[in-house]
Amino acid sequence: MLGGGERLSRLWRYVFAQLLDDYTSVLNHAGTPAAARMWSRVPRSTGDGRVDAAFAAMAEYLARRDGWTVPSWARLPEREAWPWWFVTDLRGLHPQALVESPSSFRRRGVFITSGALDRA
C-alpha cells in the first residue's frame, strides 16, 4: 500500500485494524502467550518511520493492556515517527488525538483518537 501511494489513513484502516482483529482472535482462541508471540519477531521496516513507529506503539499498547512483556524491538529509538503521524486526515480531530492517544502511541509521535482501537 505504501509503494502504491495510498494515504496513511487508509493504511491504518486496512493494516492496523486487521492486525488488531487477528491479534484479538488469537488472544481469544489460543490465549495470551500465543497472542504475544505474534509480536516476538522484529517486523521488517516498511520504509516509513511513521508506520514502523505505529507497529511498535501497538506492540507496547497490547503488551501493557494484556499483561505480556513489551518486545525489545518496540523500545528502539528509531521506532519514533518523524514527522508526527496523525492517523486521521481530519485536521479538526488532531487536537483530540493529541489528548486521547494512549501513551505508547503519543511517545512515538503517532496520534489516534480514542475510537481508533475500538473493534466491533
PDB file of N, CA and C in Angstrom:
ATOM      1  N   MET A   1       0.818  -1.193   0.000  1.00  0.00           N
ATOM      2  CA  MET A   1       0.000   0.000   0.000  1.00  0.00           C
ATOM      3  C   MET A   1       0.862   1.257   0.000  1.00  0.00           C
ATOM      4  N   LEU A   2       1.966   1.214   0.775  1.00  0.00           N
ATOM      5  CA  LEU A   2       2.850   2.383   0.799  1.00  0.00           C
ATOM      6  C   LEU A   2       3.460   2.618  -0.574  1.00  0.00           C
ATOM      7  N   GLY A   3       3.889   1.545  -1.212  1.00  0.00           N
ATOM      8  CA  GLY A   3       4.506   1.656  -2.533  1.00  0.00           C
ATOM      9  C   GLY A   3       3.541   2.150  -3.594  1.00  0.00           C
ATOM     10  N   GLY A   4       2.263   1.895  -3.366  1.00  0.00           N
ATOM     11  CA  GLY A   4       1.244   2.311  -4.321  1.00  0.00           C
ATOM     12  C   GLY A   4       0.729   3.718  -4.098  1.00  0.00           C
ATOM     13  N   GLY A   5       1.287   4.407  -3.094  1.00  0.00           N
ATOM     14  CA  GLY A   5       0.911   5.792  -2.851  1.00  0.00           C
ATOM     15  C   GLY A   5      -0.371   5.986  -2.058  1.00  0.00           C
ATOM     16  N   GLU A   6      -0.842   4.943  -1.389  1.00  0.00           N
ATOM     17  CA  GLU A   6      -2.046   5.081  -0.566  1.00  0.00           C
ATOM     18  C   GLU A   6      -1.809   6.066   0.569  1.00  0.00           C
ATOM     19  N   ARG A   7      -2.870   6.756   0.974  1.00  0.00           N
ATOM     20  CA  ARG A   7      -2.793   7.634   2.137  1.00  0.00           C
ATOM     21  C   ARG A   7      -2.553   6.775   3.377  1.00  0.00           C
ATOM     22  N   LEU A   8      -1.806   7.327   4.312  1.00  0.00           N
ATOM     23  CA  LEU A   8      -1.514   6.586   5.538  1.00  0.00           C
ATOM     24  C   LEU A   8      -2.780   6.282   6.334  1.00  0.00           C
ATOM     25  N   SER A   9      -3.770   7.127   6.254  1.00  0.00           N
ATOM     26  CA  SER A   9      -5.016   6.869   6.982  1.00  0.00           C
ATOM     27  C   SER A   9      -5.691   5.598   6.467  1.00  0.00           C
ATOM     28  N   ARG A  10      -5.612   5.329   5.194  1.00  0.00           N
ATOM     29  CA  ARG A  10      -6.168   4.081   4.643  1.00  0.00           C
ATOM     30  C   ARG A  10      -5.338   2.896   5.111  1.00  0.00           C
ATOM     31  N   LEU A  11      -4.052   3.077   5.202  1.00  0.00           N
ATOM     32  CA  LEU A  11      -3.188   2.007   5.688  1.00  0.00           C
ATOM     33  C   LEU A  11      -3.586   1.634   7.115  1.00  0.00           C
ATOM     34  N   TRP A  12      -3.844   2.633   7.948  1.00  0.00           N
ATOM     35  CA  TRP A  12      -4.276   2.349   9.324  1.00  0.00           C
ATOM     36  C   TRP A  12      -5.544   1.502   9.299  1.00  0.00           C
ATOM     37  N   ARG A  13      -6.490   1.936   8.498  1.00  0.00           N
ATOM     38  CA  ARG A  13      -7.788   1.267   8.458  1.00  0.00           C
ATOM     39  C   ARG A  13      -7.669  -0.184   7.995  1.00  0.00           C
ATOM     40  N   TYR A  14      -6.810  -0.455   7.037  1.00  0.00           N
ATOM     41  CA  TYR A  14      -6.726  -1.806   6.491  1.00  0.00           C
ATOM     42  C   TYR A  14      -5.678  -2.674   7.185  1.00  0.00           C
ATOM     43  N   VAL A  15      -4.534  -2.130   7.471  1.00  0.00           N
ATOM     44  CA  VAL A  15      -3.455  -2.935   8.049  1.00  0.00           C
ATOM     45  C   VAL A  15      -3.579  -3.045   9.567  1.00  0.00           C
ATOM     46  N   PHE A  16      -3.663  -1.909  10.239  1.00  0.00           N
ATOM     47  CA  PHE A  16      -3.668  -1.954  11.707  1.00  0.00           C
ATOM     48  C   PHE A  16      -4.980  -2.497  12.260  1.00  0.00           C
ATOM     49  N   ALA A  17      -6.088  -2.171  11.637  1.00  0.00           N
ATOM     50  CA  ALA A  17      -7.368  -2.721  12.085  1.00  0.00           C
ATOM     51  C   ALA A  17      -7.381  -4.238  11.899  1.00  0.00           C
ATOM     52  N   GLN A  18      -6.869  -4.719  10.763  1.00  0.00           N
ATOM     53  CA  GLN A  18      -6.819  -6.162  10.533  1.00  0.00           C
ATOM     54  C   GLN A  18      -5.859  -6.837  11.506  1.00  0.00           C
ATOM     55  N   LEU A  19      -4.736  -6.212  11.764  1.00  0.00           N
ATOM     56  CA  LEU A  19      -3.768  -6.750  12.718  1.00  0.00           C
ATOM     57  C   LEU A  19      -4.396  -6.865  14.108  1.00  0.00           C
ATOM     58  N   LEU A  20      -5.133  -5.850  14.502  1.00  0.00           N
ATOM     59  CA  LEU A  20      -5.804  -5.879  15.796  1.00  0.00           C
ATOM     60  C   LEU A  20      -6.858  -6.982  15.840  1.00  0.00           C
ATOM     61  N   ASP A  21      -7.593  -7.162  14.748  1.00  0.00           N
ATOM     62  CA  ASP A  21      -8.569  -8.250  14.681  1.00  0.00           C
ATOM     63  C   ASP A  21      -7.888  -9.613  14.783  1.00  0.00           C
ATOM     64  N   ASP A  22      -6.787  -9.788  14.061  1.00  0.00           N
ATOM     65  CA  ASP A  22      -6.056 -11.058  14.104  1.00  0.00           C
ATOM     66  C   ASP A  22      -5.530 -11.335  15.508  1.00  0.00           C
ATOM     67  N   TYR A  23      -4.946 -10.333  16.123  1.00  0.00           N
ATOM     68  CA  TYR A  23      -4.414 -10.466  17.480  1.00  0.00           C
ATOM     69  C   TYR A  23      -5.535 -10.863  18.444  1.00  0.00           C
ATOM     70  N   THR A  24      -6.677 -10.179  18.358  1.00  0.00           N
ATOM     71  CA  THR A  24      -7.797 -10.451  19.252  1.00  0.00           C
ATOM     72  C   THR A  24      -8.312 -11.869  19.065  1.00  0.00           C
ATOM     73  N   SER A  25      -8.357 -12.338  17.836  1.00  0.00           N
ATOM     74  CA  SER A  25      -8.792 -13.707  17.562  1.00  0.00           C
ATOM     75  C   SER A  25      -7.845 -14.718  18.204  1.00  0.00           C
ATOM     76  N   VAL A  26      -6.550 -14.517  18.025  1.00  0.00           N
ATOM     77  CA  VAL A  26      -5.567 -15.427  18.636  1.00  0.00           C
ATOM     78  C   VAL A  26      -5.672 -15.353  20.157  1.00  0.00           C
ATOM     79  N   LEU A  27      -5.789 -14.157  20.699  1.00  0.00           N
ATOM     80  CA  LEU A  27      -5.918 -13.977  22.150  1.00  0.00           C
ATOM     81  C   LEU A  27      -7.124 -14.745  22.684  1.00  0.00           C
ATOM     82  N   ASN A  28      -8.254 -14.626  22.009  1.00  0.00           N
ATOM     83  CA  ASN A  28      -9.483 -15.267  22.467  1.00  0.00           C
ATOM     84  C   ASN A  28      -9.469 -16.779  22.295  1.00  0.00           C
ATOM     85  N   HIS A  29      -8.810 -17.274  21.269  1.00  0.00           N
ATOM     86  CA  HIS A  29      -8.856 -18.702  20.971  1.00  0.00           C
ATOM     87  C   HIS A  29      -7.654 -19.491  21.475  1.00  0.00           C
ATOM     88  N   ALA A  30      -6.501 -18.854  21.564  1.00  0.00           N
ATOM     89  CA  ALA A  30      -5.291 -19.586  21.956  1.00  0.00           C
ATOM     90  C   ALA A  30      -4.632 -19.028  23.205  1.00  0.00           C
ATOM     91  N   GLY A  31      -5.078 -17.877  23.685  1.00  0.00           N
ATOM     92  CA  GLY A  31      -4.565 -17.322  24.923  1.00  0.00           C
ATOM     93  C   GLY A  31      -3.472 -16.283  24.751  1.00  0.00           C
ATOM     94  N   THR A  32      -3.127 -15.685  25.873  1.00  0.00           N
ATOM     95  CA  THR A  32      -2.166 -14.582  25.893  1.00  0.00           C
ATOM     96  C   THR A  32      -0.788 -14.971  25.369  1.00  0.00           C
ATOM     97  N   PRO A  33      -0.199 -16.114  25.789  1.00  0.00           N
ATOM     98  CA  PRO A  33       1.138 -16.442  25.274  1.00  0.00           C
ATOM     99  C   PRO A  33       1.179 -16.531  23.746  1.00  0.00           C
ATOM    100  N   ALA A  34       0.168 -17.129  23.145  1.00  0.00           N
ATOM    101  CA  ALA A  34       0.132 -17.238  21.682  1.00  0.00           C
ATOM    102  C   ALA A  34      -0.021 -15.863  21.038  1.00  0.00           C
ATOM    103  N   ALA A  35      -0.877 -15.021  21.618  1.00  0.00           N
ATOM    104  CA  ALA A  35      -1.063 -13.679  21.067  1.00  0.00           C
ATOM    105  C   ALA A  35       0.224 -12.870  21.183  1.00  0.00           C
ATOM    106  N   ALA A  36       0.927 -12.991  22.304  1.00  0.00           N
ATOM    107  CA  ALA A  36       2.188 -12.268  22.498  1.00  0.00           C
ATOM    108  C   ALA A  36       3.240 -12.712  21.482  1.00  0.00           C
ATOM    109  N   ARG A  37       3.231 -13.996  21.128  1.00  0.00           N
ATOM    110  CA  ARG A  37       4.216 -14.497  20.148  1.00  0.00           C
ATOM    111  C   ARG A  37       4.058 -13.835  18.788  1.00  0.00           C
ATOM    112  N   MET A  38       2.876 -13.318  18.494  1.00  0.00           N
ATOM    113  CA  MET A  38       2.680 -12.613  17.222  1.00  0.00           C
ATOM    114  C   MET A  38       3.606 -11.404  17.108  1.00  0.00           C
ATOM    115  N   TRP A  39       4.053 -10.901  18.248  1.00  0.00           N
ATOM    116  CA  TRP A  39       4.849  -9.680  18.304  1.00  0.00           C
ATOM    117  C   TRP A  39       6.305  -9.949  18.673  1.00  0.00           C
ATOM    118  N   SER A  40       6.692 -11.205  18.772  1.00  0.00           N
ATOM    119  CA  SER A  40       8.028 -11.526  19.273  1.00  0.00           C
ATOM    120  C   SER A  40       9.139 -11.244  18.261  1.00  0.00           C
ATOM    121  N   ARG A  41       8.865 -11.391  16.989  1.00  0.00           N
ATOM    122  CA  ARG A  41       9.890 -11.149  15.966  1.00  0.00           C
ATOM    123  C   ARG A  41       9.862  -9.700  15.502  1.00  0.00           C
ATOM    124  N   VAL A  42      11.027  -9.171  15.226  1.00  0.00           N
ATOM    125  CA  VAL A  42      11.143  -7.793  14.746  1.00  0.00           C
ATOM    126  C   VAL A  42      10.519  -7.699  13.356  1.00  0.00           C
ATOM    127  N   PRO A  43       9.515  -6.838  13.188  1.00  0.00           N
ATOM    128  CA  PRO A  43       8.944  -6.687  11.841  1.00  0.00           C
ATOM    129  C   PRO A  43       9.923  -5.953  10.929  1.00  0.00           C
ATOM    130  N   ARG A  44       9.915  -6.341   9.660  1.00  0.00           N
ATOM    131  CA  ARG A  44      10.745  -5.633   8.690  1.00  0.00           C
ATOM    132  C   ARG A  44      10.286  -4.187   8.590  1.00  0.00           C
ATOM    133  N   SER A  45      11.220  -3.313   8.313  1.00  0.00           N
ATOM    134  CA  SER A  45      10.871  -1.912   8.141  1.00  0.00           C
ATOM    135  C   SER A  45       9.957  -1.760   6.931  1.00  0.00           C
ATOM    136  N   THR A  46       8.995  -0.891   7.068  1.00  0.00           N
ATOM    137  CA  THR A  46       8.080  -0.612   5.959  1.00  0.00           C
ATOM    138  C   THR A  46       8.660   0.429   5.017  1.00  0.00           C
ATOM    139  N   GLY A  47       9.734   1.093   5.459  1.00  0.00           N
ATOM    140  CA  GLY A  47      10.287   2.194   4.685  1.00  0.00           C
ATOM    141  C   GLY A  47       9.705   3.531   5.086  1.00  0.00           C
ATOM    142  N   ASP A  48       8.746   3.513   5.999  1.00  0.00           N
ATOM    143  CA  ASP A  48       8.139   4.744   6.501  1.00  0.00           C
ATOM    144  C   ASP A  48       8.218   4.706   8.022  1.00  0.00           C
ATOM    145  N   GLY A  49       8.970   5.630   8.604  1.00  0.00           N
ATOM    146  CA  GLY A  49       9.183   5.644  10.045  1.00  0.00           C
ATOM    147  C   GLY A  49       7.909   5.805  10.849  1.00  0.00           C
ATOM    148  N   ARG A  50       6.916   6.477  10.273  1.00  0.00           N
ATOM    149  CA  ARG A  50       5.647   6.652  10.988  1.00  0.00           C
ATOM    150  C   ARG A  50       4.929   5.316  11.157  1.00  0.00           C
ATOM    151  N   VAL A  51       4.931   4.522  10.122  1.00  0.00           N
ATOM    152  CA  VAL A  51       4.276   3.215  10.184  1.00  0.00           C
ATOM    153  C   VAL A  51       5.060   2.280  11.099  1.00  0.00           C
ATOM    154  N   ASP A  52       6.373   2.303  11.002  1.00  0.00           N
ATOM    155  CA  ASP A  52       7.200   1.482  11.889  1.00  0.00           C
ATOM    156  C   ASP A  52       6.974   1.861  13.351  1.00  0.00           C
ATOM    157  N   ALA A  53       6.835   3.152  13.613  1.00  0.00           N
ATOM    158  CA  ALA A  53       6.560   3.618  14.974  1.00  0.00           C
ATOM    159  C   ALA A  53       5.199   3.119  15.446  1.00  0.00           C
ATOM    160  N   ALA A  54       4.219   3.101  14.555  1.00  0.00           N
ATOM    161  CA  ALA A  54       2.882   2.632  14.923  1.00  0.00           C
ATOM    162  C   ALA A  54       2.894   1.151  15.276  1.00  0.00           C
ATOM    163  N   PHE A  55       3.687   0.340  14.566  1.00  0.00           N
ATOM    164  CA  PHE A  55       3.806  -1.076  14.924  1.00  0.00           C
ATOM    165  C   PHE A  55       4.373  -1.221  16.336  1.00  0.00           C
ATOM    166  N   ALA A  56       5.397  -0.447  16.650  1.00  0.00           N
ATOM    167  CA  ALA A  56       5.989  -0.502  17.995  1.00  0.00           C
ATOM    168  C   ALA A  56       4.994  -0.035  19.043  1.00  0.00           C
ATOM    169  N   ALA A  57       4.276   1.025  18.739  1.00  0.00           N
ATOM    170  CA  ALA A  57       3.272   1.546  19.682  1.00  0.00           C
ATOM    171  C   ALA A  57       2.183   0.517  19.938  1.00  0.00           C
ATOM    172  N   MET A  58       1.738  -0.148  18.875  1.00  0.00           N
ATOM    173  CA  MET A  58       0.695  -1.159  19.017  1.00  0.00           C
ATOM    174  C   MET A  58       1.195  -2.332  19.856  1.00  0.00           C
ATOM    175  N   ALA A  59       2.434  -2.748  19.622  1.00  0.00           N
ATOM    176  CA  ALA A  59       3.006  -3.845  20.409  1.00  0.00           C
ATOM    177  C   ALA A  59       3.043  -3.479  21.894  1.00  0.00           C
ATOM    178  N   GLU A  60       3.516  -2.283  22.201  1.00  0.00           N
ATOM    179  CA  GLU A  60       3.575  -1.871  23.603  1.00  0.00           C
ATOM    180  C   GLU A  60       2.180  -1.737  24.194  1.00  0.00           C
ATOM    181  N   TYR A  61       1.271  -1.133  23.464  1.00  0.00           N
ATOM    182  CA  TYR A  61      -0.093  -0.947  23.948  1.00  0.00           C
ATOM    183  C   TYR A  61      -0.733  -2.293  24.311  1.00  0.00           C
ATOM    184  N   LEU A  62      -0.646  -3.257  23.400  1.00  0.00           N
ATOM    185  CA  LEU A  62      -1.259  -4.562  23.640  1.00  0.00           C
ATOM    186  C   LEU A  62      -0.564  -5.307  24.773  1.00  0.00           C
ATOM    187  N   ALA A  63       0.756  -5.205  24.837  1.00  0.00           N
ATOM    188  CA  ALA A  63       1.506  -5.875  25.906  1.00  0.00           C
ATOM    189  C   ALA A  63       1.084  -5.352  27.272  1.00  0.00           C
ATOM    190  N   ARG A  64       1.004  -4.063  27.394  1.00  0.00           N
ATOM    191  CA  ARG A  64       0.614  -3.481  28.685  1.00  0.00           C
ATOM    192  C   ARG A  64      -0.850  -3.778  29.017  1.00  0.00           C
ATOM    193  N   ARG A  65      -1.699  -3.717  28.015  1.00  0.00           N
ATOM    194  CA  ARG A  65      -3.125  -3.987  28.234  1.00  0.00           C
ATOM    195  C   ARG A  65      -3.368  -5.441  28.644  1.00  0.00           C
ATOM    196  N   ASP A  66      -2.624  -6.374  27.999  1.00  0.00           N
ATOM    197  CA  ASP A  66      -2.918  -7.792  28.181  1.00  0.00           C
ATOM    198  C   ASP A  66      -1.915  -8.534  29.058  1.00  0.00           C
ATOM    199  N   GLY A  67      -0.916  -7.816  29.593  1.00  0.00           N
ATOM    200  CA  GLY A  67      -0.037  -8.394  30.599  1.00  0.00           C
ATOM    201  C   GLY A  67       1.097  -9.262  30.096  1.00  0.00           C
ATOM    202  N   TRP A  68       1.650  -8.940  28.952  1.00  0.00           N
ATOM    203  CA  TRP A  68       2.846  -9.645  28.492  1.00  0.00           C
ATOM    204  C   TRP A  68       3.977  -8.639  28.306  1.00  0.00           C
ATOM    205  N   THR A  69       5.178  -9.135  28.181  1.00  0.00           N
ATOM    206  CA  THR A  69       6.370  -8.289  28.123  1.00  0.00           C
ATOM    207  C   THR A  69       6.463  -7.557  26.784  1.00  0.00           C
ATOM    208  N   VAL A  70       6.700  -6.269  26.848  1.00  0.00           N
ATOM    209  CA  VAL A  70       6.883  -5.470  25.632  1.00  0.00           C
ATOM    210  C   VAL A  70       8.136  -5.979  24.926  1.00  0.00           C
ATOM    211  N   PRO A  71       8.043  -6.301  23.635  1.00  0.00           N
ATOM    212  CA  PRO A  71       9.226  -6.788  22.919  1.00  0.00           C
ATOM    213  C   PRO A  71      10.320  -5.725  22.848  1.00  0.00           C
ATOM    214  N   SER A  72      11.551  -6.168  22.926  1.00  0.00           N
ATOM    215  CA  SER A  72      12.680  -5.227  22.947  1.00  0.00           C
ATOM    216  C   SER A  72      12.734  -4.368  21.686  1.00  0.00           C
ATOM    217  N   TRP A  73      12.370  -4.908  20.536  1.00  0.00           N
ATOM    218  CA  TRP A  73      12.421  -4.129  19.293  1.00  0.00           C
ATOM    219  C   TRP A  73      11.478  -2.922  19.348  1.00  0.00           C
ATOM    220  N   ALA A  74      10.417  -3.035  20.128  1.00  0.00           N
ATOM    221  CA  ALA A  74       9.448  -1.937  20.206  1.00  0.00           C
ATOM    222  C   ALA A  74       9.986  -0.745  20.985  1.00  0.00           C
ATOM    223  N   ARG A  75      11.066  -0.952  21.710  1.00  0.00           N
ATOM    224  CA  ARG A  75      11.651   0.134  22.508  1.00  0.00           C
ATOM    225  C   ARG A  75      12.788   0.863  21.799  1.00  0.00           C
ATOM    226  N   LEU A  76      13.131   0.439  20.606  1.00  0.00           N
ATOM    227  CA  LEU A  76      14.245   1.053  19.884  1.00  0.00           C
ATOM    228  C   LEU A  76      13.937   2.506  19.539  1.00  0.00           C
ATOM    229  N   PRO A  77      14.913   3.396  19.707  1.00  0.00           N
ATOM    230  CA  PRO A  77      14.671   4.824  19.443  1.00  0.00           C
ATOM    231  C   PRO A  77      14.288   5.122  17.990  1.00  0.00           C
ATOM    232  N   GLU A  78      14.697   4.277  17.057  1.00  0.00           N
ATOM    233  CA  GLU A  78      14.326   4.525  15.663  1.00  0.00           C
ATOM    234  C   GLU A  78      12.855   4.217  15.390  1.00  0.00           C
ATOM    235  N   ARG A  79      12.167   3.697  16.361  1.00  0.00           N
ATOM    236  CA  ARG A  79      10.726   3.417  16.228  1.00  0.00           C
ATOM    237  C   ARG A  79       9.909   4.620  16.697  1.00  0.00           C
ATOM    238  N   GLU A  80      10.310   5.789  16.245  1.00  0.00           N
ATOM    239  CA  GLU A  80       9.579   7.021  16.531  1.00  0.00           C
ATOM    240  C   GLU A  80       9.242   7.703  15.218  1.00  0.00           C
ATOM    241  N   ALA A  81       8.054   8.267  15.156  1.00  0.00           N
ATOM    242  CA  ALA A  81       7.580   8.893  13.919  1.00  0.00           C
ATOM    243  C   ALA A  81       8.100  10.312  13.789  1.00  0.00           C
ATOM    244  N   TRP A  82       8.666  10.592  12.652  1.00  0.00           N
ATOM    245  CA  TRP A  82       9.023  11.960  12.314  1.00  0.00           C
ATOM    246  C   TRP A  82       8.852  12.138  10.828  1.00  0.00           C
ATOM    247  N   PRO A  83       8.004  13.031  10.382  1.00  0.00           N
ATOM    248  CA  PRO A  83       7.181  13.893  11.214  1.00  0.00           C
ATOM    249  C   PRO A  83       6.109  13.082  11.949  1.00  0.00           C
ATOM    250  N   TRP A  84       5.504  13.747  12.938  1.00  0.00           N
ATOM    251  CA  TRP A  84       4.431  13.078  13.661  1.00  0.00           C
ATOM    252  C   TRP A  84       3.373  12.593  12.683  1.00  0.00           C
ATOM    253  N   TRP A  85       2.691  11.533  13.090  1.00  0.00           N
ATOM    254  CA  TRP A  85       1.625  10.985  12.261  1.00  0.00           C
ATOM    255  C   TRP A  85       0.300  11.102  13.006  1.00  0.00           C
ATOM    256  N   PHE A  86      -0.570  11.927  12.481  1.00  0.00           N
ATOM    257  CA  PHE A  86      -1.954  11.978  12.945  1.00  0.00           C
ATOM    258  C   PHE A  86      -2.718  11.040  12.017  1.00  0.00           C
ATOM    259  N   VAL A  87      -3.190   9.945  12.557  1.00  0.00           N
ATOM    260  CA  VAL A  87      -3.793   8.903  11.737  1.00  0.00           C
ATOM    261  C   VAL A  87      -5.003   9.421  10.965  1.00  0.00           C
ATOM    262  N   THR A  88      -5.797  10.274  11.572  1.00  0.00           N
ATOM    263  CA  THR A  88      -6.948  10.834  10.865  1.00  0.00           C
ATOM    264  C   THR A  88      -6.506  11.946   9.921  1.00  0.00           C
ATOM    265  N   ASP A  89      -7.155  11.984   8.775  1.00  0.00           N
ATOM    266  CA  ASP A  89      -6.905  13.070   7.826  1.00  0.00           C
ATOM    267  C   ASP A  89      -7.674  14.332   8.198  1.00  0.00           C
ATOM    268  N   LEU A  90      -8.605  14.211   9.140  1.00  0.00           N
ATOM    269  CA  LEU A  90      -9.433  15.349   9.539  1.00  0.00           C
ATOM    270  C   LEU A  90      -8.665  16.216  10.533  1.00  0.00           C
ATOM    271  N   ARG A  91      -8.117  17.307  10.048  1.00  0.00           N
ATOM    272  CA  ARG A  91      -7.266  18.172  10.880  1.00  0.00           C
ATOM    273  C   ARG A  91      -7.977  18.672  12.132  1.00  0.00           C
ATOM    274  N   GLY A  92      -9.275  18.811  12.080  1.00  0.00           N
ATOM    275  CA  GLY A  92     -10.028  19.256  13.241  1.00  0.00           C
ATOM    276  C   GLY A  92      -9.991  18.257  14.394  1.00  0.00           C
ATOM    277  N   LEU A  93      -9.657  17.012  14.105  1.00  0.00           N
ATOM    278  CA  LEU A  93      -9.562  15.986  15.144  1.00  0.00           C
ATOM    279  C   LEU A  93      -8.144  15.846  15.709  1.00  0.00           C
ATOM    280  N   HIS A  94      -7.186  16.556  15.145  1.00  0.00           N
ATOM    281  CA  HIS A  94      -5.804  16.436  15.622  1.00  0.00           C
ATOM    282  C   HIS A  94      -5.655  16.833  17.087  1.00  0.00           C
ATOM    283  N   PRO A  95      -6.267  17.943  17.552  1.00  0.00           N
ATOM    284  CA  PRO A  95      -6.154  18.266  18.976  1.00  0.00           C
ATOM    285  C   PRO A  95      -6.734  17.161  19.864  1.00  0.00           C
ATOM    286  N   GLN A  96      -7.830  16.570  19.425  1.00  0.00           N
ATOM    287  CA  GLN A  96      -8.437  15.473  20.175  1.00  0.00           C
ATOM    288  C   GLN A  96      -7.491  14.273  20.223  1.00  0.00           C
ATOM    289  N   ALA A  97      -6.854  13.985  19.107  1.00  0.00           N
ATOM    290  CA  ALA A  97      -5.908  12.867  19.055  1.00  0.00           C
ATOM    291  C   ALA A  97      -4.711  13.114  19.972  1.00  0.00           C
ATOM    292  N   LEU A  98      -4.263  14.359  20.068  1.00  0.00           N
ATOM    293  CA  LEU A  98      -3.160  14.675  20.978  1.00  0.00           C
ATOM    294  C   LEU A  98      -3.503  14.304  22.413  1.00  0.00           C
ATOM    295  N   VAL A  99      -4.742  14.520  22.787  1.00  0.00           N
ATOM    296  CA  VAL A  99      -5.196  14.260  24.156  1.00  0.00           C
ATOM    297  C   VAL A  99      -5.513  12.778  24.375  1.00  0.00           C
ATOM    298  N   GLU A 100      -6.153  12.147  23.396  1.00  0.00           N
ATOM    299  CA  GLU A 100      -6.690  10.806  23.590  1.00  0.00           C
ATOM    300  C   GLU A 100      -5.727   9.669  23.284  1.00  0.00           C
ATOM    301  N   SER A 101      -4.647   9.924  22.586  1.00  0.00           N
ATOM    302  CA  SER A 101      -3.728   8.848  22.222  1.00  0.00           C
ATOM    303  C   SER A 101      -3.172   8.149  23.451  1.00  0.00           C
ATOM    304  N   PRO A 102      -3.186   6.819  23.456  1.00  0.00           N
ATOM    305  CA  PRO A 102      -2.515   6.112  24.550  1.00  0.00           C
ATOM    306  C   PRO A 102      -1.037   6.497  24.593  1.00  0.00           C
ATOM    307  N   SER A 103      -0.454   6.428  25.761  1.00  0.00           N
ATOM    308  CA  SER A 103       0.934   6.892  25.927  1.00  0.00           C
ATOM    309  C   SER A 103       1.908   6.166  25.014  1.00  0.00           C
ATOM    310  N   SER A 104       1.688   4.892  24.751  1.00  0.00           N
ATOM    311  CA  SER A 104       2.606   4.152  23.877  1.00  0.00           C
ATOM    312  C   SER A 104       2.631   4.747  22.474  1.00  0.00           C
ATOM    313  N   PHE A 105       1.531   5.299  22.026  1.00  0.00           N
ATOM    314  CA  PHE A 105       1.462   5.947  20.716  1.00  0.00           C
ATOM    315  C   PHE A 105       2.011   7.366  20.794  1.00  0.00           C
ATOM    316  N   ARG A 106       1.564   8.099  21.790  1.00  0.00           N
ATOM    317  CA  ARG A 106       1.953   9.504  21.931  1.00  0.00           C
ATOM    318  C   ARG A 106       3.476   9.653  22.020  1.00  0.00           C
ATOM    319  N   ARG A 107       4.125   8.789  22.810  1.00  0.00           N
ATOM    320  CA  ARG A 107       5.590   8.862  22.968  1.00  0.00           C
ATOM    321  C   ARG A 107       6.326   8.662  21.653  1.00  0.00           C
ATOM    322  N   ARG A 108       5.715   7.970  20.734  1.00  0.00           N
ATOM    323  CA  ARG A 108       6.356   7.674  19.457  1.00  0.00           C
ATOM    324  C   ARG A 108       5.935   8.624  18.338  1.00  0.00           C
ATOM    325  N   GLY A 109       5.090   9.606  18.668  1.00  0.00           N
ATOM    326  CA  GLY A 109       4.672  10.575  17.656  1.00  0.00           C
ATOM    327  C   GLY A 109       3.569  10.084  16.744  1.00  0.00           C
ATOM    328  N   VAL A 110       2.788   9.113  17.219  1.00  0.00           N
ATOM    329  CA  VAL A 110       1.637   8.606  16.471  1.00  0.00           C
ATOM    330  C   VAL A 110       0.399   8.973  17.283  1.00  0.00           C
ATOM    331  N   PHE A 111      -0.521   9.685  16.654  1.00  0.00           N
ATOM    332  CA  PHE A 111      -1.671  10.222  17.377  1.00  0.00           C
ATOM    333  C   PHE A 111      -2.971   9.681  16.802  1.00  0.00           C
ATOM    334  N   ILE A 112      -3.756   9.055  17.696  1.00  0.00           N
ATOM    335  CA  ILE A 112      -5.017   8.452  17.325  1.00  0.00           C
ATOM    336  C   ILE A 112      -6.105   8.949  18.270  1.00  0.00           C
ATOM    337  N   THR A 113      -7.337   8.920  17.806  1.00  0.00           N
ATOM    338  CA  THR A 113      -8.447   9.230  18.690  1.00  0.00           C
ATOM    339  C   THR A 113      -8.839   7.974  19.455  1.00  0.00           C
ATOM    340  N   SER A 114      -9.604   8.144  20.494  1.00  0.00           N
ATOM    341  CA  SER A 114      -9.933   7.016  21.379  1.00  0.00           C
ATOM    342  C   SER A 114     -10.620   5.872  20.638  1.00  0.00           C
ATOM    343  N   GLY A 115     -11.364   6.150  19.602  1.00  0.00           N
ATOM    344  CA  GLY A 115     -12.058   5.097  18.867  1.00  0.00           C
ATOM    345  C   GLY A 115     -11.209   4.322  17.886  1.00  0.00           C
ATOM    346  N   ALA A 116      -9.975   4.746  17.661  1.00  0.00           N
ATOM    347  CA  ALA A 116      -9.138   4.114  16.629  1.00  0.00           C
ATOM    348  C   ALA A 116      -8.802   2.661  16.946  1.00  0.00           C
ATOM    349  N   LEU A 117      -8.869   2.277  18.202  1.00  0.00           N
ATOM    350  CA  LEU A 117      -8.549   0.900  18.589  1.00  0.00           C
ATOM    351  C   LEU A 117      -9.806   0.095  18.916  1.00  0.00           C
ATOM    352  N   ASP A 118     -10.977   0.705  18.747  1.00  0.00           N
ATOM    353  CA  ASP A 118     -12.226   0.001  19.005  1.00  0.00           C
ATOM    354  C   ASP A 118     -12.549  -0.885  17.824  1.00  0.00           C
ATOM    355  N   ARG A 119     -13.001  -2.074  18.122  1.00  0.00           N
ATOM    356  CA  ARG A 119     -13.396  -3.012  17.082  1.00  0.00           C
ATOM    357  C   ARG A 119     -14.799  -3.503  17.390  1.00  0.00           C
ATOM    358  N   ALA A 120     -15.549  -3.777  16.361  1.00  0.00           N
ATOM    359  CA  ALA A 120     -16.942  -4.241  16.538  1.00  0.00           C
ATOM    360  C   ALA A 120     -16.976  -5.675  17.016  1.00  0.00           C
TER     361      ALA A 120
END
